[in-house]
């Protein structure tokens, strides 16, 4: 199983609309991916490792797929629509990581 993580750095002067992300963007992404998308998760950053430190990321979205091939096949046809929705909830440049889930 793989996890596609989309992370949004917690940067001064930047905005992130968590309500839109959770209730509009992520359901839209999951719908476009269809059955290839096994699960989704959204995290909101609360703090860093040290007491009182800010969170490294304002938000993180995760999508789970059986394989890299299944992700690419599901994402490719919808990439333009998905990416075009980003300005509706943030002005933060997303950082994407694809990981192999071990446990």
N, C-alpha and C. Protein backbone atom coordinates (compact mmCIF):
# COMPACT_ATOMS: atom_id res chain seq x y z
N UNK A 1 0.85 -1.17 0.00
CA UNK A 1 0.00 0.00 0.00
C UNK A 1 0.89 1.23 0.00
N UNK A 2 0.45 2.27 -0.71
CA UNK A 2 1.18 3.53 -0.70
C UNK A 2 0.30 4.63 -0.12
N UNK A 3 0.97 5.66 0.39
CA UNK A 3 0.30 6.84 0.92
C UNK A 3 0.84 8.05 0.18
N UNK A 4 -0.06 8.83 -0.36
CA UNK A 4 0.31 10.09 -1.00
C UNK A 4 0.00 11.19 0.02
N UNK A 5 1.04 11.88 0.47
CA UNK A 5 0.88 12.95 1.45
C UNK A 5 1.08 14.29 0.77
N UNK A 6 0.15 15.20 1.01
CA UNK A 6 0.23 16.56 0.50
C UNK A 6 0.31 17.46 1.72
N UNK A 7 1.46 18.13 1.87
CA UNK A 7 1.74 18.89 3.09
C UNK A 7 1.83 20.37 2.77
N UNK A 8 1.26 21.18 3.66
CA UNK A 8 1.20 22.62 3.49
C UNK A 8 1.95 23.27 4.65
N UNK A 9 3.11 23.87 4.35
CA UNK A 9 3.97 24.47 5.38
C UNK A 9 3.22 25.56 6.14
N UNK A 10 3.50 25.65 7.42
CA UNK A 10 2.92 26.67 8.29
C UNK A 10 3.77 27.93 8.16
N UNK A 11 3.40 28.80 7.24
CA UNK A 11 4.19 29.98 6.92
C UNK A 11 3.46 31.25 7.35
N UNK A 12 4.20 32.19 7.93
CA UNK A 12 3.62 33.48 8.31
C UNK A 12 3.02 34.18 7.09
N UNK A 13 1.86 34.76 7.29
CA UNK A 13 1.20 35.52 6.23
C UNK A 13 0.45 34.67 5.22
N UNK A 14 0.47 33.36 5.37
CA UNK A 14 -0.23 32.47 4.45
C UNK A 14 -1.55 32.03 5.09
N UNK A 15 -2.49 31.60 4.26
CA UNK A 15 -3.80 31.19 4.78
C UNK A 15 -4.15 29.77 4.32
N UNK A 16 -4.98 29.11 5.11
CA UNK A 16 -5.45 27.77 4.79
C UNK A 16 -6.86 27.64 5.32
N UNK A 17 -7.82 27.33 4.43
CA UNK A 17 -9.22 27.18 4.80
C UNK A 17 -9.50 25.70 5.05
N UNK A 18 -9.40 25.29 6.31
CA UNK A 18 -9.57 23.89 6.68
C UNK A 18 -10.98 23.39 6.39
N UNK A 19 -11.98 24.24 6.59
CA UNK A 19 -13.36 23.82 6.31
C UNK A 19 -13.53 23.46 4.83
N UNK A 20 -13.04 24.31 3.95
CA UNK A 20 -13.14 24.02 2.51
C UNK A 20 -12.35 22.76 2.16
N UNK A 21 -11.16 22.62 2.72
CA UNK A 21 -10.31 21.48 2.43
C UNK A 21 -10.99 20.17 2.82
N UNK A 22 -11.58 20.14 4.03
CA UNK A 22 -12.22 18.92 4.53
C UNK A 22 -13.57 18.63 3.88
N UNK A 23 -14.33 19.67 3.59
CA UNK A 23 -15.71 19.47 3.14
C UNK A 23 -15.92 19.61 1.64
N UNK A 24 -14.94 20.17 0.93
CA UNK A 24 -15.08 20.32 -0.52
C UNK A 24 -13.93 19.67 -1.29
N UNK A 25 -12.70 20.10 -0.99
CA UNK A 25 -11.57 19.63 -1.79
C UNK A 25 -11.33 18.13 -1.65
N UNK A 26 -11.14 17.66 -0.44
CA UNK A 26 -10.81 16.23 -0.26
C UNK A 26 -11.94 15.31 -0.72
N UNK A 27 -13.21 15.62 -0.45
CA UNK A 27 -14.27 14.76 -1.02
C UNK A 27 -14.28 14.77 -2.55
N UNK A 28 -13.96 15.93 -3.15
CA UNK A 28 -13.88 16.01 -4.61
C UNK A 28 -12.75 15.11 -5.12
N UNK A 29 -11.59 15.20 -4.48
CA UNK A 29 -10.44 14.38 -4.88
C UNK A 29 -10.79 12.90 -4.75
N UNK A 30 -11.34 12.52 -3.62
CA UNK A 30 -11.70 11.12 -3.40
C UNK A 30 -12.71 10.64 -4.44
N UNK A 31 -13.68 11.48 -4.76
CA UNK A 31 -14.67 11.12 -5.77
C UNK A 31 -14.07 10.92 -7.14
N UNK A 32 -13.14 11.78 -7.52
CA UNK A 32 -12.51 11.65 -8.84
C UNK A 32 -11.62 10.41 -8.90
N UNK A 33 -11.00 10.05 -7.79
CA UNK A 33 -10.11 8.88 -7.76
C UNK A 33 -10.88 7.56 -7.76
N UNK A 34 -12.14 7.60 -7.36
CA UNK A 34 -12.98 6.40 -7.37
C UNK A 34 -12.47 5.32 -6.43
N UNK A 35 -12.72 4.08 -6.80
CA UNK A 35 -12.36 2.94 -5.94
C UNK A 35 -10.86 2.76 -5.77
N UNK A 36 -10.05 3.40 -6.62
CA UNK A 36 -8.60 3.29 -6.47
C UNK A 36 -8.13 3.91 -5.15
N UNK A 37 -8.84 4.94 -4.70
CA UNK A 37 -8.51 5.60 -3.44
C UNK A 37 -9.15 4.82 -2.31
N UNK A 38 -8.31 4.15 -1.52
CA UNK A 38 -8.79 3.26 -0.46
C UNK A 38 -9.24 4.01 0.78
N UNK A 39 -8.61 5.16 1.05
CA UNK A 39 -8.94 5.92 2.25
C UNK A 39 -8.31 7.30 2.13
N UNK A 40 -8.83 8.24 2.92
CA UNK A 40 -8.24 9.57 3.01
C UNK A 40 -8.13 9.96 4.49
N UNK A 41 -7.25 10.89 4.77
CA UNK A 41 -7.11 11.45 6.12
C UNK A 41 -6.65 12.89 5.98
N UNK A 42 -7.08 13.73 6.91
CA UNK A 42 -6.66 15.13 6.95
C UNK A 42 -6.18 15.42 8.37
N UNK A 43 -5.05 16.12 8.46
CA UNK A 43 -4.50 16.52 9.75
C UNK A 43 -4.30 18.03 9.76
N UNK A 44 -4.60 18.65 10.90
CA UNK A 44 -4.35 20.07 11.10
C UNK A 44 -3.23 20.21 12.13
N UNK A 45 -2.17 20.95 11.77
CA UNK A 45 -1.04 21.11 12.67
C UNK A 45 -1.41 21.92 13.89
N UNK A 46 -1.01 21.42 15.06
CA UNK A 46 -1.27 22.11 16.32
C UNK A 46 -0.02 22.68 16.97
N UNK A 47 1.11 22.01 16.82
CA UNK A 47 2.34 22.48 17.44
C UNK A 47 3.52 21.67 16.99
N UNK A 48 4.72 22.19 17.33
CA UNK A 48 5.95 21.51 16.99
C UNK A 48 6.41 20.60 18.11
N UNK A 49 7.63 20.10 18.00
CA UNK A 49 8.16 19.15 18.96
C UNK A 49 8.44 19.73 20.33
N UNK A 50 8.80 21.00 20.38
CA UNK A 50 9.09 21.65 21.65
C UNK A 50 7.85 22.39 22.14
N UNK A 51 7.68 22.50 23.46
CA UNK A 51 6.53 23.24 23.99
C UNK A 51 6.47 24.66 23.44
N UNK A 52 5.32 25.02 22.93
CA UNK A 52 5.11 26.36 22.39
C UNK A 52 5.61 26.58 20.97
N UNK A 53 6.28 25.59 20.40
CA UNK A 53 6.77 25.73 19.02
C UNK A 53 5.61 25.59 18.04
N UNK A 54 5.65 26.36 16.97
CA UNK A 54 4.58 26.24 15.98
C UNK A 54 4.68 24.93 15.21
N UNK A 55 3.56 24.49 14.68
CA UNK A 55 3.53 23.29 13.84
C UNK A 55 4.34 23.53 12.58
N UNK A 56 5.03 22.50 12.12
CA UNK A 56 5.78 22.60 10.88
C UNK A 56 4.84 22.76 9.69
N UNK A 57 3.72 22.05 9.73
CA UNK A 57 2.74 22.10 8.65
C UNK A 57 1.40 22.60 9.18
N UNK A 58 0.78 23.51 8.43
CA UNK A 58 -0.56 23.97 8.77
C UNK A 58 -1.55 22.85 8.58
N UNK A 59 -1.34 22.04 7.56
CA UNK A 59 -2.25 20.94 7.25
C UNK A 59 -1.52 19.89 6.43
N UNK A 60 -2.06 18.67 6.51
CA UNK A 60 -1.57 17.56 5.69
C UNK A 60 -2.78 16.74 5.25
N UNK A 61 -2.79 16.39 3.98
CA UNK A 61 -3.80 15.49 3.45
C UNK A 61 -3.14 14.21 3.00
N UNK A 62 -3.79 13.08 3.26
CA UNK A 62 -3.21 11.78 2.91
C UNK A 62 -4.24 10.98 2.12
N UNK A 63 -3.76 10.32 1.07
CA UNK A 63 -4.60 9.45 0.25
C UNK A 63 -3.89 8.11 0.15
N UNK A 64 -4.65 7.03 0.29
CA UNK A 64 -4.09 5.69 0.30
C UNK A 64 -4.53 4.91 -0.94
N UNK A 65 -3.55 4.21 -1.54
CA UNK A 65 -3.78 3.44 -2.75
C UNK A 65 -3.08 2.09 -2.63
N UNK A 66 -3.55 1.12 -3.39
CA UNK A 66 -2.94 -0.20 -3.37
C UNK A 66 -1.50 -0.17 -3.92
N UNK A 67 -1.27 0.66 -4.94
CA UNK A 67 0.05 0.71 -5.56
C UNK A 67 0.28 2.08 -6.20
N UNK A 68 1.53 2.33 -6.55
CA UNK A 68 1.87 3.55 -7.25
C UNK A 68 1.16 3.61 -8.61
N UNK A 69 1.09 2.48 -9.28
CA UNK A 69 0.40 2.42 -10.58
C UNK A 69 -1.08 2.79 -10.45
N UNK A 70 -1.74 2.29 -9.40
CA UNK A 70 -3.16 2.60 -9.23
C UNK A 70 -3.37 4.08 -8.93
N UNK A 71 -2.45 4.68 -8.15
CA UNK A 71 -2.53 6.12 -7.90
C UNK A 71 -2.36 6.90 -9.20
N UNK A 72 -1.32 6.59 -9.96
CA UNK A 72 -1.04 7.33 -11.18
C UNK A 72 -2.17 7.21 -12.19
N UNK A 73 -2.77 6.03 -12.30
CA UNK A 73 -3.88 5.83 -13.23
C UNK A 73 -5.10 6.63 -12.80
N UNK A 74 -5.34 6.73 -11.48
CA UNK A 74 -6.51 7.46 -10.98
C UNK A 74 -6.29 8.97 -11.00
N UNK A 75 -5.07 9.41 -10.70
CA UNK A 75 -4.78 10.84 -10.60
C UNK A 75 -4.61 11.51 -11.95
N UNK A 76 -3.91 10.85 -12.85
CA UNK A 76 -3.56 11.45 -14.13
C UNK A 76 -4.69 12.16 -14.86
N UNK A 77 -5.82 11.49 -15.08
CA UNK A 77 -6.90 12.13 -15.83
C UNK A 77 -7.55 13.33 -15.12
N UNK A 78 -7.30 13.47 -13.81
CA UNK A 78 -7.96 14.52 -13.03
C UNK A 78 -6.98 15.53 -12.45
N UNK A 79 -5.71 15.37 -12.74
CA UNK A 79 -4.67 16.22 -12.14
C UNK A 79 -4.95 17.70 -12.33
N UNK A 80 -5.33 18.09 -13.52
CA UNK A 80 -5.56 19.51 -13.80
C UNK A 80 -6.70 20.06 -12.96
N UNK A 81 -7.81 19.34 -12.85
CA UNK A 81 -8.95 19.79 -12.04
C UNK A 81 -8.58 19.87 -10.56
N UNK A 82 -7.87 18.87 -10.08
CA UNK A 82 -7.49 18.83 -8.66
C UNK A 82 -6.56 19.99 -8.33
N UNK A 83 -5.55 20.20 -9.16
CA UNK A 83 -4.59 21.27 -8.90
C UNK A 83 -5.24 22.65 -9.05
N UNK A 84 -6.21 22.78 -9.94
CA UNK A 84 -6.88 24.07 -10.14
C UNK A 84 -7.71 24.48 -8.93
N UNK A 85 -8.06 23.53 -8.07
CA UNK A 85 -8.87 23.83 -6.89
C UNK A 85 -8.04 24.39 -5.73
N UNK A 86 -6.73 24.22 -5.76
CA UNK A 86 -5.87 24.64 -4.64
C UNK A 86 -6.08 26.10 -4.23
N UNK A 87 -6.14 27.06 -5.17
CA UNK A 87 -6.33 28.46 -4.75
C UNK A 87 -7.65 28.72 -4.01
N UNK A 88 -8.58 27.79 -4.07
CA UNK A 88 -9.85 27.96 -3.35
C UNK A 88 -9.70 27.78 -1.85
N UNK A 89 -8.58 27.18 -1.39
CA UNK A 89 -8.42 26.97 0.05
C UNK A 89 -7.07 27.40 0.61
N UNK A 90 -6.08 27.69 -0.24
CA UNK A 90 -4.79 28.10 0.31
C UNK A 90 -3.94 28.84 -0.71
N UNK A 91 -2.99 29.61 -0.16
CA UNK A 91 -1.96 30.24 -0.98
C UNK A 91 -0.59 29.65 -0.66
N UNK A 92 -0.59 28.48 -0.01
CA UNK A 92 0.62 27.76 0.34
C UNK A 92 0.95 26.76 -0.76
N UNK A 93 2.20 26.73 -1.18
CA UNK A 93 2.65 25.77 -2.19
C UNK A 93 2.71 24.37 -1.55
N UNK A 94 1.96 23.41 -2.05
CA UNK A 94 1.98 22.07 -1.44
C UNK A 94 3.28 21.32 -1.72
N UNK A 95 3.66 20.50 -0.75
CA UNK A 95 4.80 19.58 -0.88
C UNK A 95 4.22 18.17 -0.90
N UNK A 96 4.59 17.39 -1.89
CA UNK A 96 4.00 16.05 -2.05
C UNK A 96 5.06 14.99 -1.81
N UNK A 97 4.67 13.97 -1.04
CA UNK A 97 5.53 12.82 -0.84
C UNK A 97 4.71 11.56 -1.02
N UNK A 98 5.28 10.58 -1.73
CA UNK A 98 4.66 9.27 -1.90
C UNK A 98 5.48 8.29 -1.10
N UNK A 99 4.81 7.55 -0.21
CA UNK A 99 5.50 6.64 0.70
C UNK A 99 4.94 5.23 0.57
N UNK A 100 5.80 4.27 0.86
CA UNK A 100 5.39 2.87 0.95
C UNK A 100 5.01 2.62 2.41
N UNK A 101 3.77 2.27 2.67
CA UNK A 101 3.30 2.06 4.04
C UNK A 101 3.79 0.68 4.51
N UNK A 102 4.55 0.66 5.58
CA UNK A 102 5.14 -0.57 6.09
C UNK A 102 4.31 -1.22 7.20
N UNK A 103 3.68 -0.41 8.02
CA UNK A 103 2.84 -0.95 9.11
C UNK A 103 1.50 -0.25 9.10
